Protein backbone atom coordinates (compact mmCIF):
# COMPACT_ATOMS: atom_id res chain seq x y z
CA MET A 1 78.71 96.86 129.70
CA THR A 2 81.77 95.85 127.41
CA THR A 3 80.88 95.72 123.68
CA ILE A 4 82.86 93.21 122.39
CA GLU A 5 82.10 94.27 118.34
CA THR A 6 80.44 97.82 117.90
CA THR A 7 79.30 96.98 114.22
CA VAL A 8 78.94 93.82 112.29
CA ALA A 9 79.28 93.85 108.54
CA PRO A 10 79.12 91.11 106.05
CA SER A 11 82.64 90.28 105.17
CA ALA A 12 83.77 91.25 101.73
CA ASP A 13 84.57 87.33 100.53
CA ASN A 14 81.52 87.49 98.61
CA HIS A 15 79.98 83.99 97.51
CA GLY A 16 77.21 86.32 95.54
CA LYS A 17 73.65 85.88 96.13
CA ASP A 18 73.84 82.32 96.77
CA ALA A 19 75.11 82.43 100.23
CA GLU A 20 73.72 83.86 103.41
CA ALA A 21 75.65 85.23 106.41
CA PHE A 22 74.83 84.76 110.09
CA VAL A 23 76.23 85.38 113.68
CA THR A 24 76.14 82.64 115.06
CA PHE A 25 75.52 82.06 118.92
CA THR A 26 74.63 79.18 120.92
CA VAL A 27 71.76 78.95 123.93
CA ALA A 28 71.49 75.35 125.55
CA GLY A 29 74.11 73.59 123.17
CA GLN A 30 72.16 74.47 120.07
CA LEU A 31 73.35 76.65 117.43
CA PHE A 32 71.38 79.78 116.19
CA GLY A 33 72.22 82.30 113.45
CA VAL A 34 70.24 85.28 112.73
CA PRO A 35 71.32 87.30 109.85
CA VAL A 36 74.52 89.61 109.89
CA THR A 37 72.45 92.18 108.37
CA GLN A 38 70.37 92.86 111.53
CA VAL A 39 72.85 92.45 113.93
CA GLN A 40 73.92 96.16 115.60
CA ASP A 41 76.03 95.05 118.31
CA ILE A 42 77.66 92.37 120.48
CA LEU A 43 78.28 92.90 123.82
CA THR A 44 78.86 91.53 127.38
CA PRO A 45 76.39 93.14 129.88
CA ASP A 46 77.67 94.90 132.89
CA ALA A 47 74.08 95.38 134.56
CA ILE A 48 70.47 94.28 133.45
CA ALA A 49 67.99 96.45 135.24
CA PRO A 50 64.70 94.35 136.30
CA VAL A 51 61.38 94.90 134.74
CA PRO A 52 59.42 94.40 137.40
CA GLY A 53 55.63 92.89 136.12
CA GLY A 54 56.87 92.42 132.89
CA PRO A 55 56.49 89.43 130.27
CA PRO A 56 58.90 86.45 131.39
CA GLU A 57 61.15 86.39 128.17
CA VAL A 58 62.01 90.20 129.29
CA ARG A 59 64.96 89.70 131.39
CA GLY A 60 65.25 93.76 131.60
CA LEU A 61 66.90 96.65 130.09
CA ILE A 62 70.23 97.67 129.61
CA ASN A 63 71.58 101.44 128.42
CA LEU A 64 73.75 100.62 125.25
CA ARG A 65 75.32 104.16 123.89
CA GLY A 66 72.50 106.07 125.66
CA ARG A 67 69.38 103.96 124.12
CA ILE A 68 67.38 101.91 126.37
CA VAL A 69 67.46 98.56 125.03
CA THR A 70 65.19 95.49 126.26
CA VAL A 71 66.97 92.50 126.80
CA ILE A 72 65.64 89.43 125.97
CA ASP A 73 66.21 85.85 127.57
CA MET A 74 66.32 83.28 124.53
CA ARG A 75 66.53 80.38 127.16
CA THR A 76 62.90 81.42 128.36
CA ARG A 77 61.77 82.79 124.75
CA LEU A 78 62.89 79.57 123.33
CA ALA A 79 61.51 77.26 126.16
CA LEU A 80 64.53 76.06 127.29
CA PRO A 81 65.53 75.50 130.85
CA ARG A 82 67.56 77.88 132.70
CA GLY A 83 71.50 77.38 132.54
CA ASP A 84 74.48 78.34 134.01
CA GLU A 85 74.90 82.29 133.69
CA LYS A 86 78.28 83.16 135.15
CA THR A 87 79.06 83.92 131.15
CA VAL A 88 76.45 85.10 128.91
CA MET A 89 76.56 87.06 126.11
CA CYS A 90 74.23 89.89 123.96
CA VAL A 91 73.43 90.10 120.21
CA THR A 92 71.84 93.50 119.82
CA VAL A 93 69.52 93.45 117.05
CA GLU A 94 66.31 95.65 115.98
CA SER A 95 62.72 94.85 115.06
CA ASP A 96 60.22 97.21 113.99
CA GLY A 97 62.28 99.96 114.81
CA GLU A 98 63.29 99.25 118.35
CA PRO A 99 66.34 97.55 119.71
CA TYR A 100 66.54 94.24 121.59
CA THR A 101 68.98 92.71 122.82
CA LEU A 102 69.28 88.71 122.86
CA LEU A 103 70.94 87.33 126.01
CA VAL A 104 72.22 83.95 124.89
CA ASP A 105 75.20 81.31 126.27
CA SER A 106 77.73 82.76 123.50
CA VAL A 107 78.72 84.30 120.41
CA GLY A 108 80.17 82.21 117.35
CA ASP A 109 81.48 83.86 114.37
CA VAL A 110 79.99 85.20 111.42
CA ILE A 111 79.35 82.58 108.70
CA LYS A 112 78.45 82.33 105.17
CA LEU A 113 76.25 79.33 103.99
CA PRO A 114 75.13 78.51 100.44
CA ARG A 115 71.37 78.97 100.13
CA SER A 116 71.93 75.04 98.51
CA LEU A 117 72.34 74.32 102.57
CA ARG A 118 68.91 75.75 103.32
CA GLU A 119 66.39 73.48 104.53
CA ALA A 120 62.71 74.08 105.37
CA ASN A 121 61.94 73.79 108.91
CA PRO A 122 61.63 70.02 110.04
CA ALA A 123 58.54 68.57 111.23
CA THR A 124 60.09 67.63 114.47
CA LEU A 125 61.59 71.19 115.28
CA ASP A 126 59.91 71.84 118.53
CA ALA A 127 56.39 74.08 117.52
CA VAL A 128 57.97 77.17 119.59
CA TRP A 129 61.12 77.49 117.36
CA ARG A 130 58.93 76.29 114.06
CA ASP A 131 57.26 79.84 114.54
CA VAL A 132 60.60 81.85 114.72
CA ALA A 133 62.66 79.95 112.71
CA ASP A 134 63.21 80.58 109.12
CA ALA A 135 65.28 77.59 108.14
CA VAL A 136 67.75 75.09 109.19
CA TYR A 137 71.21 74.47 107.97
CA ARG A 138 73.43 71.51 108.37
CA THR A 139 76.92 72.71 108.92
CA ASP A 140 80.37 71.55 110.58
CA GLN A 141 79.32 72.95 113.88
CA GLY A 142 75.92 70.70 113.68
CA LEU A 143 72.25 72.03 112.91
CA LEU A 144 72.04 75.51 113.01
CA VAL A 145 68.58 76.97 113.20
CA ALA A 146 68.50 80.46 111.54
CA LEU A 147 65.80 82.75 113.39
CA HIS A 148 63.86 85.24 111.73
CA ILE A 149 63.90 88.34 113.97
CA ASP A 150 60.70 89.86 113.56
CA ARG A 151 58.86 86.66 114.58
CA LEU A 152 61.37 85.93 117.37
CA MET A 153 59.84 89.41 118.68
CA ALA A 154 56.22 88.93 118.11
CA ILE A 155 55.61 85.81 119.99
CA GLU A 156 53.76 86.30 123.04
CA THR A 157 54.67 83.87 125.83
CA LYS A 158 51.94 81.95 127.75
C-alpha cells in the first residue's frame, strides 16, 4: 500500500472558530468531506483481504503499519452503484477507538469553509445520506456533504 500522506493536520492559516476544515473526496461524482481532525491517513491500497460472510459494506481488511484496518466501501455504504475501480483511494479515520479506511473514488484537497456557508441537510437529500451527514455546504466544486464519522460507522446496511 502506498501512503500518500501519513498525517493530515489543519493548515496554519486559520479563520478562527468561524471555519471548519474538511478533507474532501468524491464517490460516484459527489463531493463529500470529513473533518480534518478525524483523518489519520490518506493512502492507495495495494491489496485488500476479503472478509467472507462480512457485511456488504465491508470490502475487507488492510494492514496499515501493523494495525488491521477495516475497509468500508463508500459506494455500498451510501447506496450508490458500483463504479470503475481502476483507481481508488482510502481515507483512514477512527470511530470509537477503531480504525476504518473509507474506500473512495478520489481524494481532493483540505478545504476550510466558513460556518456561515453551513446549511442543514435538505429534505430532498437521500435518506441514507441524511442519516450520516452533519450538514451541506455550497462550494465552487458543487455541493459538499459533510459526513459524521461515528454515524457513518454506526449505520447498518439491510
